């Protein structure tokens, strides 16, 4: 779960938004709302 979020961050830093979103969605789909990474992934996906 956490690794999916951080992989998303890696791809974001590299400019690959498709892979970044894919990994942030994986982090959200785990459904572990207790982790800050869940909220952060949600914010990343909803950012304009």
PDB file of N, CA and C in Angstrom:
ATOM      1  N   UNK A   1       0.830  -1.189   0.000  1.00  0.00           N
ATOM      2  CA  UNK A   1       0.000   0.000   0.000  1.00  0.00           C
ATOM      3  C   UNK A   1       0.861   1.233   0.000  1.00  0.00           C
ATOM      4  N   UNK A   2       1.705   1.339   0.985  1.00  0.00           N
ATOM      5  CA  UNK A   2       2.553   2.517   1.051  1.00  0.00           C
ATOM      6  C   UNK A   2       3.498   2.572  -0.132  1.00  0.00           C
ATOM      7  N   UNK A   3       3.983   1.412  -0.558  1.00  0.00           N
ATOM      8  CA  UNK A   3       4.927   1.415  -1.678  1.00  0.00           C
ATOM      9  C   UNK A   3       4.256   1.929  -2.948  1.00  0.00           C
ATOM     10  N   UNK A   4       2.983   1.640  -3.147  1.00  0.00           N
ATOM     11  CA  UNK A   4       2.279   2.129  -4.336  1.00  0.00           C
ATOM     12  C   UNK A   4       2.252   3.650  -4.349  1.00  0.00           C
ATOM     13  N   UNK A   5       1.996   4.250  -3.196  1.00  0.00           N
ATOM     14  CA  UNK A   5       1.981   5.712  -3.135  1.00  0.00           C
ATOM     15  C   UNK A   5       3.350   6.279  -3.485  1.00  0.00           C
ATOM     16  N   UNK A   6       4.393   5.722  -2.898  1.00  0.00           N
ATOM     17  CA  UNK A   6       5.733   6.257  -3.126  1.00  0.00           C
ATOM     18  C   UNK A   6       6.238   5.979  -4.538  1.00  0.00           C
ATOM     19  N   UNK A   7       5.807   4.895  -5.139  1.00  0.00           N
ATOM     20  CA  UNK A   7       6.116   4.687  -6.550  1.00  0.00           C
ATOM     21  C   UNK A   7       5.420   5.762  -7.395  1.00  0.00           C
ATOM     22  N   UNK A   8       4.208   6.104  -7.012  1.00  0.00           N
ATOM     23  CA  UNK A   8       3.510   7.198  -7.689  1.00  0.00           C
ATOM     24  C   UNK A   8       4.285   8.501  -7.579  1.00  0.00           C
ATOM     25  N   UNK A   9       4.832   8.762  -6.413  1.00  0.00           N
ATOM     26  CA  UNK A   9       5.635   9.967  -6.220  1.00  0.00           C
ATOM     27  C   UNK A   9       6.888   9.948  -7.093  1.00  0.00           C
ATOM     28  N   UNK A  10       7.504   8.785  -7.203  1.00  0.00           N
ATOM     29  CA  UNK A  10       8.697   8.634  -8.047  1.00  0.00           C
ATOM     30  C   UNK A  10       8.366   8.967  -9.494  1.00  0.00           C
ATOM     31  N   UNK A  11       7.286   8.371  -9.998  1.00  0.00           N
ATOM     32  CA  UNK A  11       6.899   8.621 -11.381  1.00  0.00           C
ATOM     33  C   UNK A  11       6.472  10.071 -11.587  1.00  0.00           C
ATOM     34  N   UNK A  12       5.836  10.651 -10.594  1.00  0.00           N
ATOM     35  CA  UNK A  12       5.462  12.066 -10.664  1.00  0.00           C
ATOM     36  C   UNK A  12       6.714  12.934 -10.809  1.00  0.00           C
ATOM     37  N   UNK A  13       7.727  12.644  -9.997  1.00  0.00           N
ATOM     38  CA  UNK A  13       8.981  13.406 -10.050  1.00  0.00           C
ATOM     39  C   UNK A  13       9.675  13.244 -11.398  1.00  0.00           C
ATOM     40  N   UNK A  14       9.486  12.098 -12.020  1.00  0.00           N
ATOM     41  CA  UNK A  14      10.093  11.835 -13.331  1.00  0.00           C
ATOM     42  C   UNK A  14       9.240  12.371 -14.480  1.00  0.00           C
ATOM     43  N   UNK A  15       8.050  12.889 -14.154  1.00  0.00           N
ATOM     44  CA  UNK A  15       7.181  13.464 -15.172  1.00  0.00           C
ATOM     45  C   UNK A  15       6.250  12.487 -15.852  1.00  0.00           C
ATOM     46  N   UNK A  16       6.151  11.262 -15.348  1.00  0.00           N
ATOM     47  CA  UNK A  16       5.272  10.246 -15.951  1.00  0.00           C
ATOM     48  C   UNK A  16       3.942  10.222 -15.186  1.00  0.00           C
ATOM     49  N   UNK A  17       3.039  11.114 -15.569  1.00  0.00           N
ATOM     50  CA  UNK A  17       1.780  11.258 -14.837  1.00  0.00           C
ATOM     51  C   UNK A  17       0.873  10.033 -14.954  1.00  0.00           C
ATOM     52  N   UNK A  18       0.908   9.328 -16.086  1.00  0.00           N
ATOM     53  CA  UNK A  18       0.069   8.138 -16.229  1.00  0.00           C
ATOM     54  C   UNK A  18       0.453   7.071 -15.214  1.00  0.00           C
ATOM     55  N   UNK A  19       1.746   6.799 -15.102  1.00  0.00           N
ATOM     56  CA  UNK A  19       2.188   5.800 -14.128  1.00  0.00           C
ATOM     57  C   UNK A  19       1.975   6.299 -12.705  1.00  0.00           C
ATOM     58  N   UNK A  20       2.173   7.581 -12.478  1.00  0.00           N
ATOM     59  CA  UNK A  20       1.953   8.145 -11.147  1.00  0.00           C
ATOM     60  C   UNK A  20       0.503   7.937 -10.722  1.00  0.00           C
ATOM     61  N   UNK A  21      -0.436   8.293 -11.576  1.00  0.00           N
ATOM     62  CA  UNK A  21      -1.864   8.118 -11.255  1.00  0.00           C
ATOM     63  C   UNK A  21      -2.219   6.649 -11.038  1.00  0.00           C
ATOM     64  N   UNK A  22      -1.644   5.801 -11.860  1.00  0.00           N
ATOM     65  CA  UNK A  22      -1.900   4.362 -11.715  1.00  0.00           C
ATOM     66  C   UNK A  22      -1.517   3.887 -10.308  1.00  0.00           C
ATOM     67  N   UNK A  23      -0.371   4.295  -9.837  1.00  0.00           N
ATOM     68  CA  UNK A  23       0.090   3.854  -8.521  1.00  0.00           C
ATOM     69  C   UNK A  23      -0.672   4.529  -7.383  1.00  0.00           C
ATOM     70  N   UNK A  24      -1.050   5.786  -7.557  1.00  0.00           N
ATOM     71  CA  UNK A  24      -1.866   6.432  -6.529  1.00  0.00           C
ATOM     72  C   UNK A  24      -3.234   5.761  -6.425  1.00  0.00           C
ATOM     73  N   UNK A  25      -3.795   5.340  -7.574  1.00  0.00           N
ATOM     74  CA  UNK A  25      -5.071   4.606  -7.537  1.00  0.00           C
ATOM     75  C   UNK A  25      -4.907   3.270  -6.814  1.00  0.00           C
ATOM     76  N   UNK A  26      -3.781   2.602  -7.051  1.00  0.00           N
ATOM     77  CA  UNK A  26      -3.522   1.345  -6.344  1.00  0.00           C
ATOM     78  C   UNK A  26      -3.475   1.584  -4.838  1.00  0.00           C
ATOM     79  N   UNK A  27      -2.844   2.668  -4.427  1.00  0.00           N
ATOM     80  CA  UNK A  27      -2.769   2.997  -3.003  1.00  0.00           C
ATOM     81  C   UNK A  27      -4.172   3.205  -2.425  1.00  0.00           C
ATOM     82  N   UNK A  28      -5.028   3.906  -3.150  1.00  0.00           N
ATOM     83  CA  UNK A  28      -6.397   4.127  -2.679  1.00  0.00           C
ATOM     84  C   UNK A  28      -7.206   2.839  -2.657  1.00  0.00           C
ATOM     85  N   UNK A  29      -7.016   2.000  -3.660  1.00  0.00           N
ATOM     86  CA  UNK A  29      -7.790   0.764  -3.759  1.00  0.00           C
ATOM     87  C   UNK A  29      -7.480  -0.222  -2.648  1.00  0.00           C
ATOM     88  N   UNK A  30      -6.365  -0.048  -1.981  1.00  0.00           N
ATOM     89  CA  UNK A  30      -6.053  -0.911  -0.838  1.00  0.00           C
ATOM     90  C   UNK A  30      -7.036  -0.666   0.308  1.00  0.00           C
ATOM     91  N   UNK A  31      -7.551   0.567   0.390  1.00  0.00           N
ATOM     92  CA  UNK A  31      -8.574   0.884   1.378  1.00  0.00           C
ATOM     93  C   UNK A  31      -8.077   1.020   2.805  1.00  0.00           C
ATOM     94  N   UNK A  32      -6.791   1.214   2.995  1.00  0.00           N
ATOM     95  CA  UNK A  32      -6.246   1.355   4.352  1.00  0.00           C
ATOM     96  C   UNK A  32      -6.252   2.840   4.700  1.00  0.00           C
ATOM     97  N   UNK A  33      -7.386   3.305   5.201  1.00  0.00           N
ATOM     98  CA  UNK A  33      -7.569   4.735   5.440  1.00  0.00           C
ATOM     99  C   UNK A  33      -6.769   5.257   6.628  1.00  0.00           C
ATOM    100  N   UNK A  34      -6.208   4.380   7.429  1.00  0.00           N
ATOM    101  CA  UNK A  34      -5.427   4.805   8.590  1.00  0.00           C
ATOM    102  C   UNK A  34      -4.068   5.379   8.195  1.00  0.00           C
ATOM    103  N   UNK A  35      -3.599   5.063   6.994  1.00  0.00           N
ATOM    104  CA  UNK A  35      -2.284   5.533   6.545  1.00  0.00           C
ATOM    105  C   UNK A  35      -2.412   6.900   5.897  1.00  0.00           C
ATOM    106  N   UNK A  36      -1.481   7.770   6.208  1.00  0.00           N
ATOM    107  CA  UNK A  36      -1.466   9.106   5.611  1.00  0.00           C
ATOM    108  C   UNK A  36      -1.322   9.031   4.099  1.00  0.00           C
ATOM    109  N   UNK A  37      -0.681   7.975   3.616  1.00  0.00           N
ATOM    110  CA  UNK A  37      -0.507   7.819   2.176  1.00  0.00           C
ATOM    111  C   UNK A  37      -1.845   7.677   1.447  1.00  0.00           C
ATOM    112  N   UNK A  38      -2.837   7.147   2.117  1.00  0.00           N
ATOM    113  CA  UNK A  38      -4.174   7.033   1.520  1.00  0.00           C
ATOM    114  C   UNK A  38      -4.731   8.420   1.244  1.00  0.00           C
ATOM    115  N   UNK A  39      -4.667   9.290   2.231  1.00  0.00           N
ATOM    116  CA  UNK A  39      -5.162  10.661   2.051  1.00  0.00           C
ATOM    117  C   UNK A  39      -4.321  11.410   1.028  1.00  0.00           C
ATOM    118  N   UNK A  40      -3.023  11.218   1.065  1.00  0.00           N
ATOM    119  CA  UNK A  40      -2.135  11.915   0.132  1.00  0.00           C
ATOM    120  C   UNK A  40      -2.405  11.474  -1.308  1.00  0.00           C
ATOM    121  N   UNK A  41      -2.647  10.188  -1.510  1.00  0.00           N
ATOM    122  CA  UNK A  41      -2.961   9.686  -2.849  1.00  0.00           C
ATOM    123  C   UNK A  41      -4.263  10.300  -3.352  1.00  0.00           C
ATOM    124  N   UNK A  42      -5.223  10.407  -2.475  1.00  0.00           N
ATOM    125  CA  UNK A  42      -6.493  11.017  -2.847  1.00  0.00           C
ATOM    126  C   UNK A  42      -6.289  12.477  -3.248  1.00  0.00           C
ATOM    127  N   UNK A  43      -5.504  13.196  -2.484  1.00  0.00           N
ATOM    128  CA  UNK A  43      -5.229  14.599  -2.814  1.00  0.00           C
ATOM    129  C   UNK A  43      -4.491  14.710  -4.151  1.00  0.00           C
ATOM    130  N   UNK A  44      -3.530  13.850  -4.387  1.00  0.00           N
ATOM    131  CA  UNK A  44      -2.779  13.875  -5.643  1.00  0.00           C
ATOM    132  C   UNK A  44      -3.716  13.630  -6.830  1.00  0.00           C
ATOM    133  N   UNK A  45      -4.626  12.673  -6.701  1.00  0.00           N
ATOM    134  CA  UNK A  45      -5.521  12.342  -7.806  1.00  0.00           C
ATOM    135  C   UNK A  45      -6.551  13.439  -8.056  1.00  0.00           C
ATOM    136  N   UNK A  46      -6.894  14.172  -7.023  1.00  0.00           N
ATOM    137  CA  UNK A  46      -7.908  15.222  -7.163  1.00  0.00           C
ATOM    138  C   UNK A  46      -7.322  16.589  -7.439  1.00  0.00           C
ATOM    139  N   UNK A  47      -5.999  16.697  -7.465  1.00  0.00           N
ATOM    140  CA  UNK A  47      -5.351  17.983  -7.729  1.00  0.00           C
ATOM    141  C   UNK A  47      -5.517  18.346  -9.201  1.00  0.00           C
ATOM    142  N   UNK A  48      -5.682  19.582  -9.451  1.00  0.00           N
ATOM    143  CA  UNK A  48      -5.839  20.057 -10.839  1.00  0.00           C
ATOM    144  C   UNK A  48      -4.543  20.666 -11.332  1.00  0.00           C
TER     145      UNK A  48
END
